[in-house]
């Protein structure tokens, strides 16, 4: 098997059911206001005086907060560029959902690395391969 085959196999495997839907699979209830999203890719913008910004791919600011967990929540929720997302008002709920999601992503990386080392025991390119897989799935870990 070539690395490109490993990438394709794992992208397909992830798409066919391993991936969870953030935030729906990480909230015990969908309570809170709905926040309209721009239905396009969002990126972490700059941090200025303790306030973080999310902007679209053209650099237009979309959202700003001093709470980094809120920023990560929105960025993770925007993976599939939805029109809106339930945005809990309670920061503890947001923090818990983000923590669980990041644990899930970390476990995916650990399992992927184990499979990679089994398939390519002498290769040093796991970071590149995993970045390609995550890029194709639009998965990010902040």
C-alpha atoms as a PDB file:
ATOM      1  CA  UNK A   1       0.000   0.000   0.000  1.00  0.00           C
ATOM      2  CA  UNK A   2       1.191   3.493  -0.827  1.00  0.00           C
ATOM      3  CA  UNK A   3       0.722   6.500   1.430  1.00  0.00           C
ATOM      4  CA  UNK A   4      -1.790   7.987  -1.027  1.00  0.00           C
ATOM      5  CA  UNK A   5      -3.840   4.769  -0.747  1.00  0.00           C
ATOM      6  CA  UNK A   6      -3.656   4.998   3.042  1.00  0.00           C
ATOM      7  CA  UNK A   7      -4.934   8.566   2.831  1.00  0.00           C
ATOM      8  CA  UNK A   8      -7.835   7.654   0.533  1.00  0.00           C
ATOM      9  CA  UNK A   9      -8.770   4.627   2.629  1.00  0.00           C
ATOM     10  CA  UNK A  10      -8.878   6.618   5.843  1.00  0.00           C
ATOM     11  CA  UNK A  11     -10.735   9.587   4.373  1.00  0.00           C
ATOM     12  CA  UNK A  12     -13.408   7.156   3.177  1.00  0.00           C
ATOM     13  CA  UNK A  13     -13.453   5.329   6.521  1.00  0.00           C
ATOM     14  CA  UNK A  14     -13.889   8.590   8.410  1.00  0.00           C
ATOM     15  CA  UNK A  15     -16.636   9.796   6.072  1.00  0.00           C
ATOM     16  CA  UNK A  16     -18.564   6.539   6.391  1.00  0.00           C
ATOM     17  CA  UNK A  17     -19.330   6.908  10.046  1.00  0.00           C
ATOM     18  CA  UNK A  18     -16.369   7.399  12.339  1.00  0.00           C
ATOM     19  CA  UNK A  19     -16.710  11.170  12.429  1.00  0.00           C
ATOM     20  CA  UNK A  20     -19.076  12.729  14.895  1.00  0.00           C
ATOM     21  CA  UNK A  21     -21.094  15.854  14.242  1.00  0.00           C
ATOM     22  CA  UNK A  22     -20.025  18.859  16.257  1.00  0.00           C
ATOM     23  CA  UNK A  23     -21.760  20.285  18.235  1.00  0.00           C
ATOM     24  CA  UNK A  24     -24.824  18.019  18.051  1.00  0.00           C
ATOM     25  CA  UNK A  25     -23.045  14.861  19.206  1.00  0.00           C
ATOM     26  CA  UNK A  26     -21.357  16.727  22.056  1.00  0.00           C
ATOM     27  CA  UNK A  27     -24.261  18.616  23.612  1.00  0.00           C
ATOM     28  CA  UNK A  28     -26.680  16.943  25.999  1.00  0.00           C
ATOM     29  CA  UNK A  29     -29.419  19.298  24.827  1.00  0.00           C
ATOM     30  CA  UNK A  30     -29.724  21.803  22.043  1.00  0.00           C
ATOM     31  CA  UNK A  31     -30.561  24.784  24.203  1.00  0.00           C
ATOM     32  CA  UNK A  32     -29.555  28.312  23.440  1.00  0.00           C
ATOM     33  CA  UNK A  33     -29.978  30.819  20.674  1.00  0.00           C
ATOM     34  CA  UNK A  34     -29.257  29.964  17.081  1.00  0.00           C
ATOM     35  CA  UNK A  35     -26.377  31.883  15.558  1.00  0.00           C
ATOM     36  CA  UNK A  36     -26.506  32.494  11.808  1.00  0.00           C
ATOM     37  CA  UNK A  37     -23.294  31.533  10.034  1.00  0.00           C
ATOM     38  CA  UNK A  38     -22.066  32.856   6.672  1.00  0.00           C
ATOM     39  CA  UNK A  39     -22.095  29.363   5.056  1.00  0.00           C
ATOM     40  CA  UNK A  40     -18.456  29.650   4.036  1.00  0.00           C
ATOM     41  CA  UNK A  41     -15.119  28.708   5.505  1.00  0.00           C
ATOM     42  CA  UNK A  42     -14.201  30.564   8.678  1.00  0.00           C
ATOM     43  CA  UNK A  43     -10.715  31.019  10.049  1.00  0.00           C
ATOM     44  CA  UNK A  44      -9.143  32.035  13.288  1.00  0.00           C
ATOM     45  CA  UNK A  45      -8.187  35.645  12.906  1.00  0.00           C
ATOM     46  CA  UNK A  46      -5.886  37.710  14.995  1.00  0.00           C
ATOM     47  CA  UNK A  47      -5.849  38.125  18.754  1.00  0.00           C
ATOM     48  CA  UNK A  48      -5.741  41.710  19.890  1.00  0.00           C
ATOM     49  CA  UNK A  49      -5.726  42.827  23.515  1.00  0.00           C
ATOM     50  CA  UNK A  50      -7.165  39.518  24.725  1.00  0.00           C
ATOM     51  CA  UNK A  51      -9.972  39.397  22.164  1.00  0.00           C
ATOM     52  CA  UNK A  52     -10.033  36.730  19.458  1.00  0.00           C
ATOM     53  CA  UNK A  53     -11.549  37.125  16.029  1.00  0.00           C
ATOM     54  CA  UNK A  54     -13.053  34.798  13.455  1.00  0.00           C
ATOM     55  CA  UNK A  55     -13.018  35.935   9.857  1.00  0.00           C
ATOM     56  CA  UNK A  56     -14.015  34.515   6.500  1.00  0.00           C
ATOM     57  CA  UNK A  57     -11.502  33.532   3.834  1.00  0.00           C
ATOM     58  CA  UNK A  58     -11.478  37.091   2.470  1.00  0.00           C
ATOM     59  CA  UNK A  59     -10.507  38.497   5.859  1.00  0.00           C
ATOM     60  CA  UNK A  60     -13.911  39.943   6.688  1.00  0.00           C
ATOM     61  CA  UNK A  61     -14.507  39.778  10.443  1.00  0.00           C
ATOM     62  CA  UNK A  62     -17.427  37.589  11.465  1.00  0.00           C
ATOM     63  CA  UNK A  63     -17.279  37.096  15.228  1.00  0.00           C
ATOM     64  CA  UNK A  64     -15.220  38.359  18.132  1.00  0.00           C
ATOM     65  CA  UNK A  65     -14.909  37.149  21.721  1.00  0.00           C
ATOM     66  CA  UNK A  66     -12.557  37.250  24.667  1.00  0.00           C
ATOM     67  CA  UNK A  67     -13.507  33.627  25.368  1.00  0.00           C
ATOM     68  CA  UNK A  68     -11.251  31.330  23.310  1.00  0.00           C
ATOM     69  CA  UNK A  69     -13.557  28.334  23.958  1.00  0.00           C
ATOM     70  CA  UNK A  70     -16.412  30.197  22.215  1.00  0.00           C
ATOM     71  CA  UNK A  71     -14.116  30.858  19.260  1.00  0.00           C
ATOM     72  CA  UNK A  72     -13.126  27.201  19.015  1.00  0.00           C
ATOM     73  CA  UNK A  73     -16.792  26.138  19.367  1.00  0.00           C
ATOM     74  CA  UNK A  74     -17.764  28.208  16.332  1.00  0.00           C
ATOM     75  CA  UNK A  75     -14.796  27.086  14.263  1.00  0.00           C
ATOM     76  CA  UNK A  76     -15.459  23.402  15.010  1.00  0.00           C
ATOM     77  CA  UNK A  77     -19.190  23.839  14.330  1.00  0.00           C
ATOM     78  CA  UNK A  78     -18.424  25.416  10.961  1.00  0.00           C
ATOM     79  CA  UNK A  79     -16.690  22.310   9.552  1.00  0.00           C
ATOM     80  CA  UNK A  80     -19.553  21.605   7.152  1.00  0.00           C
ATOM     81  CA  UNK A  81     -20.334  25.324   6.672  1.00  0.00           C
ATOM     82  CA  UNK A  82     -23.897  25.190   8.040  1.00  0.00           C
ATOM     83  CA  UNK A  83     -26.319  28.113   7.832  1.00  0.00           C
ATOM     84  CA  UNK A  84     -26.631  28.286  11.621  1.00  0.00           C
ATOM     85  CA  UNK A  85     -25.546  26.656  14.850  1.00  0.00           C
ATOM     86  CA  UNK A  86     -27.042  26.384  18.328  1.00  0.00           C
ATOM     87  CA  UNK A  87     -24.831  28.513  20.545  1.00  0.00           C
ATOM     88  CA  UNK A  88     -25.238  27.711  24.250  1.00  0.00           C
ATOM     89  CA  UNK A  89     -25.242  30.714  26.531  1.00  0.00           C
ATOM     90  CA  UNK A  90     -23.533  28.818  29.354  1.00  0.00           C
ATOM     91  CA  UNK A  91     -19.755  28.940  28.946  1.00  0.00           C
ATOM     92  CA  UNK A  92     -19.390  25.693  30.917  1.00  0.00           C
ATOM     93  CA  UNK A  93     -21.515  23.846  28.348  1.00  0.00           C
ATOM     94  CA  UNK A  94     -19.395  25.269  25.533  1.00  0.00           C
ATOM     95  CA  UNK A  95     -16.164  24.391  27.323  1.00  0.00           C
ATOM     96  CA  UNK A  96     -17.310  20.809  27.981  1.00  0.00           C
ATOM     97  CA  UNK A  97     -18.435  20.270  24.374  1.00  0.00           C
ATOM     98  CA  UNK A  98     -15.127  21.617  23.028  1.00  0.00           C
ATOM     99  CA  UNK A  99     -13.130  19.482  25.486  1.00  0.00           C
ATOM    100  CA  UNK A 100     -15.001  16.303  24.518  1.00  0.00           C
ATOM    101  CA  UNK A 101     -14.654  17.058  20.806  1.00  0.00           C
ATOM    102  CA  UNK A 102     -10.926  17.692  21.111  1.00  0.00           C
ATOM    103  CA  UNK A 103     -10.556  14.425  23.023  1.00  0.00           C
ATOM    104  CA  UNK A 104     -12.398  12.675  20.206  1.00  0.00           C
ATOM    105  CA  UNK A 105     -10.129  14.260  17.568  1.00  0.00           C
ATOM    106  CA  UNK A 106      -7.040  13.343  19.600  1.00  0.00           C
ATOM    107  CA  UNK A 107      -8.211   9.714  19.776  1.00  0.00           C
ATOM    108  CA  UNK A 108      -8.703   9.698  15.983  1.00  0.00           C
ATOM    109  CA  UNK A 109      -5.131  10.913  15.537  1.00  0.00           C
ATOM    110  CA  UNK A 110      -3.779   8.282  17.960  1.00  0.00           C
ATOM    111  CA  UNK A 111      -5.636   5.469  16.175  1.00  0.00           C
ATOM    112  CA  UNK A 112      -4.551   6.788  12.798  1.00  0.00           C
ATOM    113  CA  UNK A 113      -0.921   6.925  13.928  1.00  0.00           C
ATOM    114  CA  UNK A 114      -1.106   3.355  15.210  1.00  0.00           C
ATOM    115  CA  UNK A 115      -2.489   2.157  11.851  1.00  0.00           C
ATOM    116  CA  UNK A 116       0.101   4.192   9.972  1.00  0.00           C
ATOM    117  CA  UNK A 117       3.007   2.753  11.957  1.00  0.00           C
ATOM    118  CA  UNK A 118       1.659  -0.741  11.385  1.00  0.00           C
ATOM    119  CA  UNK A 119       1.434  -0.151   7.629  1.00  0.00           C
ATOM    120  CA  UNK A 120       4.622   1.939   7.270  1.00  0.00           C
ATOM    121  CA  UNK A 121       6.924   1.038  10.180  1.00  0.00           C
ATOM    122  CA  UNK A 122       9.962   2.888   8.814  1.00  0.00           C
ATOM    123  CA  UNK A 123       8.209   6.032   7.565  1.00  0.00           C
ATOM    124  CA  UNK A 124       8.644   9.410   9.231  1.00  0.00           C
ATOM    125  CA  UNK A 125       5.851  11.122   7.290  1.00  0.00           C
ATOM    126  CA  UNK A 126       2.891  10.567   9.602  1.00  0.00           C
ATOM    127  CA  UNK A 127       2.413  14.304  10.211  1.00  0.00           C
ATOM    128  CA  UNK A 128       2.185  15.014   6.505  1.00  0.00           C
ATOM    129  CA  UNK A 129      -0.190  12.106   5.896  1.00  0.00           C
ATOM    130  CA  UNK A 130      -2.447  12.961   8.831  1.00  0.00           C
ATOM    131  CA  UNK A 131      -2.514  16.630   7.757  1.00  0.00           C
ATOM    132  CA  UNK A 132      -3.638  15.557   4.286  1.00  0.00           C
ATOM    133  CA  UNK A 133      -6.401  13.360   5.731  1.00  0.00           C
ATOM    134  CA  UNK A 134      -7.599  16.113   8.061  1.00  0.00           C
ATOM    135  CA  UNK A 135      -7.417  18.654   5.235  1.00  0.00           C
ATOM    136  CA  UNK A 136      -9.606  16.535   2.956  1.00  0.00           C
ATOM    137  CA  UNK A 137     -12.155  16.178   5.777  1.00  0.00           C
ATOM    138  CA  UNK A 138     -11.922  19.851   6.788  1.00  0.00           C
ATOM    139  CA  UNK A 139     -11.035  18.778  10.326  1.00  0.00           C
ATOM    140  CA  UNK A 140      -9.058  21.136  12.503  1.00  0.00           C
ATOM    141  CA  UNK A 141      -7.713  20.997  16.037  1.00  0.00           C
ATOM    142  CA  UNK A 142      -7.023  24.295  17.769  1.00  0.00           C
END
